[in-house]
Amino acid sequence: MQPRPLIIIGAGGFGREVVEIIRAANVVRPAWRLLGVADDAPSDLSLESLRRAETPYLGAINAAIEAAGSSVSVIVAVGSPQVRERLVGQLPPACSFGTAIHPDATIGGSVEIRPGCVIAAGARLSVEITVGEHVQIDQNVTIGHDSEVGSYTRINPAACISGGVRIGDSCYIGANATILQNLRLGPNATIGAGAVVVRNVASSATVKGVPAR
């Protein structure tokens, strides 16, 4: 099968990390032909970093997608769940979405990963897990059995999601946070870095600390 053309949206730090995930995945199985990175307002630092990594900057988002043609797939690599959802909503309706999974991630049996997701190196997904659209699971995250992760959620490095957890759409889980088993996080919840969540978290609530409050 011919590698499919792909554009990464977002020239910031995470976008450049996704470029490296795609390159690592292509070493194992060359599924993508990376065209480059599109961003409406990249910083000078980001552009210089792309140049050093020999990654083409393709210009503004919609213009880059139009120039690439109907066969292109995109991955929106922006850390904020709310900004990511807004950007996805602004893309052409016919846009298709790729998925980036680092070869050093472990994906267990019966794990469903929907389009637009990014799973970084060292992530461990157990069994019977559903991951919604445009989810970002960063380095060394663990997700236990029978869990659900809502669309647009971001899980930062080394967070631990125990078994049976239900995470709503557009949640933000900080680095090294722990969510104990069978808990529920409502949509748009924010979990602080290093927090230990021992009870359900309401929609749009922010909790932090040990135990998280």
N, C-alpha and C. Protein backbone atom coordinates (compact mmCIF):
# COMPACT_ATOMS: atom_id res chain seq x y z
N MET A 1 0.83 -1.19 0.00
CA MET A 1 0.00 0.00 0.00
C MET A 1 0.87 1.25 0.00
N GLN A 2 0.51 2.20 -0.84
CA GLN A 2 1.28 3.44 -0.92
C GLN A 2 1.10 4.29 0.33
N PRO A 3 2.17 4.91 0.85
CA PRO A 3 2.02 5.82 1.98
C PRO A 3 1.06 6.95 1.65
N ARG A 4 0.23 7.32 2.61
CA ARG A 4 -0.77 8.36 2.41
C ARG A 4 -0.20 9.73 2.79
N PRO A 5 -0.52 10.78 2.02
CA PRO A 5 -0.01 12.11 2.35
C PRO A 5 -0.63 12.63 3.65
N LEU A 6 0.18 13.30 4.44
CA LEU A 6 -0.23 13.74 5.77
C LEU A 6 0.31 15.14 6.05
N ILE A 7 -0.54 15.98 6.65
CA ILE A 7 -0.14 17.31 7.14
C ILE A 7 -0.36 17.35 8.65
N ILE A 8 0.63 17.84 9.38
CA ILE A 8 0.49 18.09 10.81
C ILE A 8 0.07 19.55 10.98
N ILE A 9 -0.99 19.79 11.73
CA ILE A 9 -1.46 21.15 12.01
C ILE A 9 -0.96 21.54 13.39
N GLY A 10 -0.14 22.59 13.42
CA GLY A 10 0.44 23.06 14.68
C GLY A 10 1.95 22.95 14.66
N ALA A 11 2.62 24.11 14.65
CA ALA A 11 4.08 24.13 14.58
C ALA A 11 4.73 24.27 15.96
N GLY A 12 3.92 24.29 17.02
CA GLY A 12 4.47 24.38 18.36
C GLY A 12 5.18 23.11 18.79
N GLY A 13 5.52 23.05 20.06
CA GLY A 13 6.30 21.93 20.56
C GLY A 13 5.64 20.58 20.32
N PHE A 14 4.34 20.47 20.59
CA PHE A 14 3.70 19.18 20.42
C PHE A 14 3.60 18.81 18.95
N GLY A 15 3.34 19.79 18.09
CA GLY A 15 3.31 19.49 16.66
C GLY A 15 4.62 18.92 16.18
N ARG A 16 5.72 19.47 16.67
CA ARG A 16 7.03 18.96 16.26
C ARG A 16 7.30 17.58 16.86
N GLU A 17 6.75 17.30 18.04
CA GLU A 17 6.84 15.96 18.60
C GLU A 17 6.08 14.95 17.74
N VAL A 18 4.91 15.37 17.24
CA VAL A 18 4.12 14.46 16.40
C VAL A 18 4.86 14.15 15.11
N VAL A 19 5.59 15.12 14.57
CA VAL A 19 6.42 14.85 13.39
C VAL A 19 7.37 13.70 13.68
N GLU A 20 8.00 13.73 14.84
CA GLU A 20 8.95 12.66 15.19
C GLU A 20 8.25 11.33 15.42
N ILE A 21 7.02 11.36 15.97
CA ILE A 21 6.26 10.12 16.13
C ILE A 21 5.97 9.50 14.76
N ILE A 22 5.55 10.32 13.81
CA ILE A 22 5.27 9.83 12.46
C ILE A 22 6.53 9.24 11.84
N ARG A 23 7.65 9.91 11.99
CA ARG A 23 8.89 9.40 11.42
C ARG A 23 9.29 8.08 12.05
N ALA A 24 9.13 7.97 13.37
CA ALA A 24 9.46 6.70 14.04
C ALA A 24 8.53 5.58 13.58
N ALA A 25 7.23 5.90 13.45
CA ALA A 25 6.27 4.88 13.00
C ALA A 25 6.58 4.43 11.57
N ASN A 26 7.01 5.37 10.74
CA ASN A 26 7.30 5.02 9.34
C ASN A 26 8.50 4.10 9.20
N VAL A 27 9.40 4.11 10.16
CA VAL A 27 10.54 3.19 10.12
C VAL A 27 10.04 1.75 10.20
N VAL A 28 9.01 1.53 11.02
CA VAL A 28 8.45 0.19 11.21
C VAL A 28 7.50 -0.17 10.08
N ARG A 29 6.61 0.78 9.76
CA ARG A 29 5.65 0.55 8.67
C ARG A 29 5.39 1.89 7.99
N PRO A 30 5.87 2.07 6.78
CA PRO A 30 5.79 3.38 6.12
C PRO A 30 4.38 3.71 5.65
N ALA A 31 3.51 4.11 6.60
CA ALA A 31 2.11 4.37 6.29
C ALA A 31 1.87 5.79 5.81
N TRP A 32 2.77 6.74 6.16
CA TRP A 32 2.51 8.15 5.88
C TRP A 32 3.62 8.77 5.04
N ARG A 33 3.21 9.66 4.15
CA ARG A 33 4.14 10.53 3.44
C ARG A 33 3.95 11.93 4.01
N LEU A 34 4.83 12.30 4.94
CA LEU A 34 4.67 13.57 5.66
C LEU A 34 5.01 14.74 4.74
N LEU A 35 3.99 15.54 4.44
CA LEU A 35 4.20 16.71 3.59
C LEU A 35 4.82 17.87 4.34
N GLY A 36 4.49 17.99 5.62
CA GLY A 36 5.04 19.08 6.42
C GLY A 36 4.03 19.54 7.45
N VAL A 37 4.26 20.74 7.96
CA VAL A 37 3.48 21.31 9.07
C VAL A 37 2.81 22.59 8.60
N ALA A 38 1.54 22.74 8.95
CA ALA A 38 0.80 23.97 8.64
C ALA A 38 0.42 24.67 9.95
N ASP A 39 0.47 26.00 9.92
CA ASP A 39 0.13 26.79 11.12
C ASP A 39 -0.17 28.21 10.67
N ASP A 40 -1.27 28.78 11.18
CA ASP A 40 -1.65 30.13 10.77
C ASP A 40 -0.74 31.20 11.34
N ALA A 41 -0.10 30.94 12.48
CA ALA A 41 0.74 31.97 13.11
C ALA A 41 1.88 31.33 13.88
N PRO A 42 2.82 30.67 13.19
CA PRO A 42 3.93 30.02 13.90
C PRO A 42 4.90 31.05 14.46
N SER A 43 5.52 30.71 15.57
CA SER A 43 6.56 31.58 16.13
C SER A 43 7.86 31.42 15.35
N ASP A 44 8.74 32.39 15.48
CA ASP A 44 10.05 32.29 14.84
C ASP A 44 10.83 31.08 15.39
N LEU A 45 10.67 30.82 16.69
CA LEU A 45 11.35 29.67 17.30
C LEU A 45 10.87 28.37 16.67
N SER A 46 9.55 28.26 16.46
CA SER A 46 9.01 27.04 15.86
C SER A 46 9.50 26.86 14.43
N LEU A 47 9.52 27.95 13.68
CA LEU A 47 9.97 27.86 12.29
C LEU A 47 11.44 27.45 12.21
N GLU A 48 12.25 27.99 13.13
CA GLU A 48 13.67 27.62 13.14
C GLU A 48 13.83 26.14 13.51
N SER A 49 13.02 25.67 14.46
CA SER A 49 13.09 24.27 14.85
C SER A 49 12.69 23.36 13.69
N LEU A 50 11.64 23.73 12.96
CA LEU A 50 11.25 22.94 11.79
C LEU A 50 12.36 22.91 10.75
N ARG A 51 13.01 24.04 10.56
CA ARG A 51 14.10 24.10 9.58
C ARG A 51 15.23 23.16 9.98
N ARG A 52 15.60 23.18 11.26
CA ARG A 52 16.68 22.30 11.72
C ARG A 52 16.32 20.84 11.55
N ALA A 53 15.03 20.52 11.72
CA ALA A 53 14.59 19.14 11.59
C ALA A 53 14.26 18.76 10.15
N GLU A 54 14.51 19.68 9.22
CA GLU A 54 14.25 19.45 7.79
C GLU A 54 12.79 19.07 7.55
N THR A 55 11.90 19.79 8.25
CA THR A 55 10.46 19.58 8.11
C THR A 55 9.86 20.78 7.40
N PRO A 56 9.25 20.63 6.25
CA PRO A 56 8.71 21.78 5.52
C PRO A 56 7.60 22.48 6.31
N TYR A 57 7.64 23.82 6.28
CA TYR A 57 6.52 24.63 6.76
C TYR A 57 5.66 24.95 5.55
N LEU A 58 4.39 24.58 5.61
CA LEU A 58 3.51 24.64 4.45
C LEU A 58 2.65 25.90 4.40
N GLY A 59 2.77 26.75 5.42
CA GLY A 59 1.98 27.97 5.42
C GLY A 59 0.70 27.83 6.22
N ALA A 60 -0.28 28.69 5.91
CA ALA A 60 -1.54 28.70 6.64
C ALA A 60 -2.29 27.39 6.45
N ILE A 61 -3.15 27.05 7.42
CA ILE A 61 -3.74 25.72 7.50
C ILE A 61 -4.61 25.39 6.29
N ASN A 62 -5.65 26.19 6.05
CA ASN A 62 -6.58 25.84 4.98
C ASN A 62 -5.93 25.90 3.61
N ALA A 63 -5.01 26.86 3.42
CA ALA A 63 -4.31 26.94 2.13
C ALA A 63 -3.45 25.71 1.90
N ALA A 64 -2.79 25.22 2.96
CA ALA A 64 -1.94 24.03 2.83
C ALA A 64 -2.77 22.80 2.49
N ILE A 65 -3.95 22.67 3.13
CA ILE A 65 -4.81 21.52 2.86
C ILE A 65 -5.34 21.59 1.43
N GLU A 66 -5.74 22.77 1.00
CA GLU A 66 -6.26 22.92 -0.37
C GLU A 66 -5.19 22.58 -1.40
N ALA A 67 -3.96 23.03 -1.14
CA ALA A 67 -2.88 22.78 -2.09
C ALA A 67 -2.54 21.30 -2.15
N ALA A 68 -2.72 20.58 -1.04
CA ALA A 68 -2.35 19.16 -0.99
C ALA A 68 -3.36 18.27 -1.71
N GLY A 69 -4.59 18.73 -1.84
CA GLY A 69 -5.59 17.94 -2.56
C GLY A 69 -6.43 17.08 -1.66
N SER A 70 -7.42 16.44 -2.24
CA SER A 70 -8.44 15.73 -1.47
C SER A 70 -7.93 14.45 -0.81
N SER A 71 -6.80 13.94 -1.24
CA SER A 71 -6.30 12.68 -0.68
C SER A 71 -5.53 12.86 0.63
N VAL A 72 -5.29 14.11 1.04
CA VAL A 72 -4.45 14.35 2.22
C VAL A 72 -5.23 14.07 3.51
N SER A 73 -4.52 13.56 4.52
CA SER A 73 -5.03 13.44 5.87
C SER A 73 -4.32 14.45 6.76
N VAL A 74 -4.96 14.81 7.87
CA VAL A 74 -4.36 15.77 8.79
C VAL A 74 -4.41 15.22 10.21
N ILE A 75 -3.49 15.69 11.03
CA ILE A 75 -3.52 15.48 12.48
C ILE A 75 -3.39 16.85 13.13
N VAL A 76 -4.33 17.20 13.99
CA VAL A 76 -4.29 18.49 14.68
C VAL A 76 -3.49 18.30 15.97
N ALA A 77 -2.29 18.86 15.99
CA ALA A 77 -1.34 18.64 17.09
C ALA A 77 -1.22 19.91 17.93
N VAL A 78 -2.30 20.23 18.63
CA VAL A 78 -2.35 21.40 19.51
C VAL A 78 -2.78 20.92 20.88
N GLY A 79 -2.06 21.32 21.93
CA GLY A 79 -2.28 20.74 23.25
C GLY A 79 -3.61 21.05 23.89
N SER A 80 -4.14 22.25 23.73
CA SER A 80 -5.38 22.62 24.39
C SER A 80 -6.56 21.87 23.78
N PRO A 81 -7.34 21.13 24.58
CA PRO A 81 -8.50 20.43 24.01
C PRO A 81 -9.49 21.37 23.33
N GLN A 82 -9.73 22.53 23.93
CA GLN A 82 -10.72 23.44 23.37
C GLN A 82 -10.24 24.06 22.06
N VAL A 83 -8.97 24.43 21.99
CA VAL A 83 -8.43 24.98 20.75
C VAL A 83 -8.40 23.91 19.67
N ARG A 84 -8.05 22.69 20.04
CA ARG A 84 -8.02 21.59 19.07
C ARG A 84 -9.41 21.35 18.49
N GLU A 85 -10.41 21.35 19.35
CA GLU A 85 -11.78 21.13 18.86
C GLU A 85 -12.21 22.26 17.93
N ARG A 86 -11.83 23.49 18.27
CA ARG A 86 -12.19 24.62 17.40
C ARG A 86 -11.52 24.49 16.05
N LEU A 87 -10.24 24.13 16.04
CA LEU A 87 -9.52 24.00 14.77
C LEU A 87 -10.12 22.89 13.91
N VAL A 88 -10.46 21.77 14.53
CA VAL A 88 -11.08 20.68 13.76
C VAL A 88 -12.39 21.16 13.13
N GLY A 89 -13.16 21.94 13.88
CA GLY A 89 -14.43 22.43 13.36
C GLY A 89 -14.29 23.40 12.22
N GLN A 90 -13.11 24.03 12.09
CA GLN A 90 -12.88 25.00 11.03
C GLN A 90 -12.30 24.37 9.76
N LEU A 91 -11.96 23.10 9.81
CA LEU A 91 -11.37 22.44 8.65
C LEU A 91 -12.45 22.10 7.62
N PRO A 92 -12.06 21.91 6.36
CA PRO A 92 -13.05 21.55 5.34
C PRO A 92 -13.82 20.29 5.74
N PRO A 93 -15.12 20.25 5.48
CA PRO A 93 -15.95 19.11 5.92
C PRO A 93 -15.45 17.76 5.41
N ALA A 94 -14.84 17.75 4.25
CA ALA A 94 -14.38 16.47 3.68
C ALA A 94 -13.02 16.03 4.21
N CYS A 95 -12.46 16.78 5.14
CA CYS A 95 -11.11 16.48 5.63
C CYS A 95 -11.08 15.11 6.32
N SER A 96 -10.05 14.33 6.04
CA SER A 96 -9.86 13.06 6.74
C SER A 96 -8.73 13.20 7.74
N PHE A 97 -8.78 12.39 8.77
CA PHE A 97 -7.85 12.54 9.90
C PHE A 97 -6.99 11.30 10.07
N GLY A 98 -5.70 11.53 10.23
CA GLY A 98 -4.77 10.44 10.48
C GLY A 98 -4.63 10.16 11.97
N THR A 99 -3.92 9.10 12.28
CA THR A 99 -3.62 8.72 13.65
C THR A 99 -2.13 8.43 13.75
N ALA A 100 -1.50 8.95 14.81
CA ALA A 100 -0.06 8.77 15.01
C ALA A 100 0.16 7.93 16.26
N ILE A 101 0.75 6.75 16.11
CA ILE A 101 1.04 5.87 17.23
C ILE A 101 2.52 5.52 17.20
N HIS A 102 3.24 5.92 18.23
CA HIS A 102 4.67 5.62 18.27
C HIS A 102 4.88 4.11 18.39
N PRO A 103 5.87 3.56 17.69
CA PRO A 103 6.10 2.11 17.76
C PRO A 103 6.49 1.62 19.14
N ASP A 104 6.93 2.50 20.04
CA ASP A 104 7.26 2.10 21.39
C ASP A 104 6.07 2.16 22.34
N ALA A 105 4.87 2.50 21.84
CA ALA A 105 3.65 2.40 22.64
C ALA A 105 3.18 0.95 22.64
N THR A 106 2.46 0.56 23.69
CA THR A 106 1.90 -0.78 23.80
C THR A 106 0.38 -0.67 23.79
N ILE A 107 -0.24 -1.27 22.79
CA ILE A 107 -1.69 -1.23 22.63
C ILE A 107 -2.22 -2.64 22.80
N GLY A 108 -3.02 -2.87 23.84
CA GLY A 108 -3.50 -4.20 24.14
C GLY A 108 -4.67 -4.62 23.26
N GLY A 109 -5.22 -5.78 23.56
CA GLY A 109 -6.33 -6.31 22.77
C GLY A 109 -7.61 -5.53 23.00
N SER A 110 -8.43 -5.49 21.97
CA SER A 110 -9.74 -4.84 22.03
C SER A 110 -9.66 -3.38 22.44
N VAL A 111 -8.64 -2.69 21.96
CA VAL A 111 -8.52 -1.24 22.17
C VAL A 111 -8.96 -0.54 20.89
N GLU A 112 -9.95 0.33 21.01
CA GLU A 112 -10.45 1.09 19.86
C GLU A 112 -9.89 2.50 19.91
N ILE A 113 -9.18 2.89 18.85
CA ILE A 113 -8.59 4.23 18.77
C ILE A 113 -9.20 4.92 17.56
N ARG A 114 -9.92 6.00 17.78
CA ARG A 114 -10.63 6.67 16.71
C ARG A 114 -9.72 7.68 16.00
N PRO A 115 -10.15 8.18 14.84
CA PRO A 115 -9.27 9.03 14.02
C PRO A 115 -8.82 10.31 14.73
N GLY A 116 -7.64 10.76 14.32
CA GLY A 116 -7.09 12.02 14.81
C GLY A 116 -6.26 11.91 16.07
N CYS A 117 -6.11 10.71 16.62
CA CYS A 117 -5.42 10.54 17.90
C CYS A 117 -3.91 10.52 17.74
N VAL A 118 -3.23 10.88 18.83
CA VAL A 118 -1.78 10.79 18.92
C VAL A 118 -1.43 10.01 20.18
N ILE A 119 -0.61 8.96 20.04
CA ILE A 119 -0.17 8.16 21.18
C ILE A 119 1.35 8.12 21.14
N ALA A 120 1.97 8.67 22.17
CA ALA A 120 3.41 8.88 22.18
C ALA A 120 4.16 7.65 22.71
N ALA A 121 5.48 7.74 22.65
CA ALA A 121 6.34 6.65 23.09
C ALA A 121 6.12 6.32 24.56
N GLY A 122 6.12 5.03 24.85
CA GLY A 122 6.02 4.58 26.23
C GLY A 122 4.61 4.51 26.77
N ALA A 123 3.61 4.96 26.02
CA ALA A 123 2.22 4.83 26.49
C ALA A 123 1.83 3.37 26.55
N ARG A 124 1.03 3.02 27.53
CA ARG A 124 0.59 1.64 27.73
C ARG A 124 -0.93 1.62 27.88
N LEU A 125 -1.60 1.04 26.91
CA LEU A 125 -3.04 0.91 26.95
C LEU A 125 -3.36 -0.56 27.12
N SER A 126 -4.09 -0.92 28.17
CA SER A 126 -4.31 -2.31 28.54
C SER A 126 -5.30 -2.98 27.60
N VAL A 127 -6.49 -3.34 28.06
CA VAL A 127 -7.46 -4.04 27.21
C VAL A 127 -8.83 -3.42 27.38
N GLU A 128 -9.67 -3.62 26.33
CA GLU A 128 -11.06 -3.15 26.36
C GLU A 128 -11.14 -1.65 26.67
N ILE A 129 -10.40 -0.87 25.89
CA ILE A 129 -10.35 0.59 26.06
C ILE A 129 -10.88 1.25 24.80
N THR A 130 -11.66 2.31 24.99
CA THR A 130 -12.14 3.12 23.87
C THR A 130 -11.54 4.51 23.98
N VAL A 131 -10.89 4.95 22.90
CA VAL A 131 -10.27 6.27 22.85
C VAL A 131 -10.99 7.07 21.77
N GLY A 132 -11.58 8.19 22.14
CA GLY A 132 -12.37 8.99 21.21
C GLY A 132 -11.52 9.71 20.18
N GLU A 133 -12.15 10.53 19.36
CA GLU A 133 -11.47 11.25 18.29
C GLU A 133 -10.57 12.36 18.84
N HIS A 134 -9.42 12.55 18.18
CA HIS A 134 -8.52 13.69 18.44
C HIS A 134 -8.02 13.72 19.89
N VAL A 135 -7.80 12.56 20.47
CA VAL A 135 -7.25 12.44 21.83
C VAL A 135 -5.72 12.45 21.73
N GLN A 136 -5.08 13.06 22.73
CA GLN A 136 -3.62 13.06 22.81
C GLN A 136 -3.19 12.34 24.08
N ILE A 137 -2.45 11.26 23.92
CA ILE A 137 -1.94 10.46 25.03
C ILE A 137 -0.42 10.55 24.98
N ASP A 138 0.15 11.25 25.93
CA ASP A 138 1.57 11.61 25.84
C ASP A 138 2.46 10.50 26.41
N GLN A 139 3.74 10.82 26.52
CA GLN A 139 4.75 9.82 26.85
C GLN A 139 4.49 9.16 28.21
N ASN A 140 4.61 7.82 28.22
CA ASN A 140 4.59 7.02 29.45
C ASN A 140 3.28 7.11 30.22
N VAL A 141 2.20 7.44 29.54
CA VAL A 141 0.86 7.37 30.15
C VAL A 141 0.45 5.90 30.24
N THR A 142 -0.24 5.53 31.31
CA THR A 142 -0.84 4.20 31.40
C THR A 142 -2.35 4.33 31.55
N ILE A 143 -3.07 3.49 30.82
CA ILE A 143 -4.54 3.46 30.89
C ILE A 143 -4.96 2.03 31.14
N GLY A 144 -5.70 1.82 32.24
CA GLY A 144 -6.09 0.48 32.64
C GLY A 144 -7.29 -0.06 31.89
N HIS A 145 -7.59 -1.29 32.15
CA HIS A 145 -8.63 -2.05 31.45
C HIS A 145 -10.00 -1.38 31.56
N ASP A 146 -10.80 -1.56 30.54
CA ASP A 146 -12.22 -1.17 30.55
C ASP A 146 -12.43 0.32 30.79
N SER A 147 -11.52 1.13 30.30
CA SER A 147 -11.65 2.58 30.45
C SER A 147 -12.12 3.21 29.15
N GLU A 148 -12.64 4.43 29.27
CA GLU A 148 -13.07 5.21 28.12
C GLU A 148 -12.47 6.61 28.22
N VAL A 149 -11.96 7.10 27.09
CA VAL A 149 -11.38 8.44 27.03
C VAL A 149 -12.17 9.23 25.99
N GLY A 150 -12.78 10.32 26.41
CA GLY A 150 -13.62 11.11 25.51
C GLY A 150 -12.81 11.89 24.49
N SER A 151 -13.48 12.26 23.41
CA SER A 151 -12.84 12.99 22.30
C SER A 151 -12.19 14.29 22.79
N TYR A 152 -11.09 14.64 22.16
CA TYR A 152 -10.34 15.89 22.36
C TYR A 152 -9.59 15.95 23.69
N THR A 153 -9.69 14.93 24.51
CA THR A 153 -8.99 14.94 25.79
C THR A 153 -7.48 14.89 25.58
N ARG A 154 -6.76 15.54 26.48
CA ARG A 154 -5.29 15.45 26.50
C ARG A 154 -4.85 14.86 27.82
N ILE A 155 -3.98 13.83 27.73
CA ILE A 155 -3.41 13.20 28.91
C ILE A 155 -1.90 13.41 28.84
N ASN A 156 -1.37 14.17 29.79
CA ASN A 156 0.03 14.58 29.76
C ASN A 156 0.95 13.47 30.29
N PRO A 157 2.28 13.65 30.11
CA PRO A 157 3.22 12.56 30.38
C PRO A 157 3.10 11.94 31.77
N ALA A 158 3.22 10.62 31.78
CA ALA A 158 3.31 9.81 33.00
C ALA A 158 2.05 9.81 33.85
N ALA A 159 0.93 10.28 33.32
CA ALA A 159 -0.33 10.15 34.04
C ALA A 159 -0.74 8.68 34.10
N CYS A 160 -1.45 8.30 35.16
CA CYS A 160 -1.88 6.92 35.36
C CYS A 160 -3.40 6.89 35.49
N ILE A 161 -4.04 6.26 34.53
CA ILE A 161 -5.49 6.11 34.53
C ILE A 161 -5.79 4.67 34.92
N SER A 162 -6.45 4.46 36.05
CA SER A 162 -6.71 3.10 36.52
C SER A 162 -7.85 2.45 35.74
N GLY A 163 -8.12 1.20 36.04
CA GLY A 163 -9.14 0.46 35.32
C GLY A 163 -10.54 1.00 35.55
N GLY A 164 -11.38 0.90 34.53
CA GLY A 164 -12.79 1.25 34.66
C GLY A 164 -13.07 2.74 34.74
N VAL A 165 -12.13 3.58 34.39
CA VAL A 165 -12.32 5.04 34.47
C VAL A 165 -13.05 5.53 33.23
N ARG A 166 -13.94 6.49 33.40
CA ARG A 166 -14.66 7.12 32.29
C ARG A 166 -14.28 8.60 32.27
N ILE A 167 -13.64 9.01 31.18
CA ILE A 167 -13.17 10.39 31.03
C ILE A 167 -14.01 11.06 29.96
N GLY A 168 -14.63 12.19 30.28
CA GLY A 168 -15.47 12.89 29.33
C GLY A 168 -14.69 13.59 28.24
N ASP A 169 -15.41 14.20 27.31
CA ASP A 169 -14.78 14.93 26.21
C ASP A 169 -14.02 16.15 26.73
N SER A 170 -12.92 16.46 26.05
CA SER A 170 -12.17 17.72 26.23
C SER A 170 -11.63 17.90 27.65
N CYS A 171 -11.29 16.81 28.31
CA CYS A 171 -10.62 16.91 29.62
C CYS A 171 -9.13 17.17 29.43
N TYR A 172 -8.51 17.72 30.47
CA TYR A 172 -7.07 17.98 30.47
C TYR A 172 -6.51 17.37 31.75
N ILE A 173 -5.64 16.38 31.59
CA ILE A 173 -5.07 15.65 32.72
C ILE A 173 -3.59 15.93 32.78
N GLY A 174 -3.15 16.54 33.87
CA GLY A 174 -1.77 16.99 33.99
C GLY A 174 -0.77 15.86 34.15
N ALA A 175 0.50 16.21 33.96
CA ALA A 175 1.58 15.23 34.07
C ALA A 175 1.61 14.60 35.45
N ASN A 176 1.84 13.28 35.48
CA ASN A 176 1.97 12.49 36.71
C ASN A 176 0.70 12.43 37.55
N ALA A 177 -0.42 12.85 37.01
CA ALA A 177 -1.68 12.71 37.75
C ALA A 177 -2.09 11.24 37.80
N THR A 178 -2.85 10.88 38.82
CA THR A 178 -3.36 9.52 38.98
C THR A 178 -4.87 9.58 39.17
N ILE A 179 -5.60 8.79 38.39
CA ILE A 179 -7.05 8.68 38.51
C ILE A 179 -7.35 7.28 39.02
N LEU A 180 -7.92 7.16 40.20
CA LEU A 180 -8.17 5.84 40.77
C LEU A 180 -9.33 5.14 40.05
N GLN A 181 -9.43 3.84 40.29
CA GLN A 181 -10.30 2.97 39.49
C GLN A 181 -11.77 3.35 39.59
N ASN A 182 -12.46 3.17 38.45
CA ASN A 182 -13.92 3.29 38.35
C ASN A 182 -14.45 4.70 38.57
N LEU A 183 -13.61 5.71 38.47
CA LEU A 183 -14.08 7.09 38.66
C LEU A 183 -14.56 7.68 37.34
N ARG A 184 -15.24 8.82 37.45
CA ARG A 184 -15.79 9.53 36.29
C ARG A 184 -15.28 10.97 36.30
N LEU A 185 -14.79 11.41 35.14
CA LEU A 185 -14.43 12.82 34.95
C LEU A 185 -15.42 13.41 33.96
N GLY A 186 -16.12 14.47 34.35
CA GLY A 186 -17.07 15.09 33.45
C GLY A 186 -16.38 15.85 32.33
N PRO A 187 -17.09 16.16 31.26
CA PRO A 187 -16.49 16.90 30.14
C PRO A 187 -15.84 18.20 30.61
N ASN A 188 -14.71 18.53 29.99
CA ASN A 188 -13.97 19.76 30.24
C ASN A 188 -13.35 19.83 31.64
N ALA A 189 -13.27 18.72 32.34
CA ALA A 189 -12.59 18.72 33.64
C ALA A 189 -11.08 18.91 33.45
N THR A 190 -10.45 19.56 34.43
CA THR A 190 -9.01 19.77 34.44
C THR A 190 -8.42 19.15 35.70
N ILE A 191 -7.42 18.29 35.52
CA ILE A 191 -6.76 17.61 36.63
C ILE A 191 -5.33 18.14 36.71
N GLY A 192 -4.96 18.72 37.84
CA GLY A 192 -3.63 19.30 37.98
C GLY A 192 -2.52 18.28 37.93
N ALA A 193 -1.32 18.76 37.61
CA ALA A 193 -0.15 17.89 37.57
C ALA A 193 0.10 17.27 38.94
N GLY A 194 0.33 15.97 38.96
CA GLY A 194 0.64 15.26 40.20
C GLY A 194 -0.55 15.01 41.10
N ALA A 195 -1.75 15.37 40.68
CA ALA A 195 -2.94 15.17 41.51
C ALA A 195 -3.27 13.68 41.62
N VAL A 196 -3.88 13.32 42.75
CA VAL A 196 -4.40 11.97 42.93
C VAL A 196 -5.91 12.09 43.09
N VAL A 197 -6.63 11.66 42.09
CA VAL A 197 -8.09 11.81 42.06
C VAL A 197 -8.72 10.60 42.71
N VAL A 198 -9.49 10.83 43.80
CA VAL A 198 -10.06 9.74 44.58
C VAL A 198 -11.59 9.75 44.55
N ARG A 199 -12.17 10.74 43.86
CA ARG A 199 -13.63 10.80 43.74
C ARG A 199 -13.98 11.36 42.37
N ASN A 200 -15.21 11.20 41.95
CA ASN A 200 -15.65 11.73 40.66
C ASN A 200 -15.42 13.23 40.57
N VAL A 201 -15.18 13.70 39.33
CA VAL A 201 -14.93 15.13 39.10
C VAL A 201 -16.03 15.66 38.18
N ALA A 202 -16.66 16.74 38.59
CA ALA A 202 -17.78 17.30 37.84
C ALA A 202 -17.32 17.95 36.54
N SER A 203 -18.25 18.12 35.62
CA SER A 203 -17.96 18.79 34.35
C SER A 203 -17.40 20.18 34.60
N SER A 204 -16.34 20.53 33.85
CA SER A 204 -15.70 21.85 33.87
C SER A 204 -15.03 22.19 35.20
N ALA A 205 -14.94 21.23 36.11
CA ALA A 205 -14.27 21.49 37.39
C ALA A 205 -12.76 21.35 37.23
N THR A 206 -12.01 22.03 38.10
CA THR A 206 -10.56 21.92 38.18
C THR A 206 -10.20 21.40 39.56
N VAL A 207 -9.41 20.32 39.61
CA VAL A 207 -8.98 19.77 40.89
C VAL A 207 -7.47 19.59 40.87
N LYS A 208 -6.86 19.68 42.05
CA LYS A 208 -5.42 19.50 42.16
C LYS A 208 -5.10 19.05 43.58
N GLY A 209 -3.88 18.54 43.75
CA GLY A 209 -3.42 18.14 45.07
C GLY A 209 -3.59 16.67 45.33
N VAL A 210 -3.18 16.27 46.57
CA VAL A 210 -3.24 14.87 47.00
C VAL A 210 -3.91 14.83 48.37
N PRO A 211 -5.13 14.30 48.48
CA PRO A 211 -6.01 13.93 47.36
C PRO A 211 -6.51 15.17 46.64
N ALA A 212 -6.95 14.98 45.39
CA ALA A 212 -7.36 16.12 44.58
C ALA A 212 -8.65 16.72 45.08
N ARG A 213 -8.66 18.07 45.15
CA ARG A 213 -9.86 18.81 45.57
C ARG A 213 -10.08 19.97 44.62
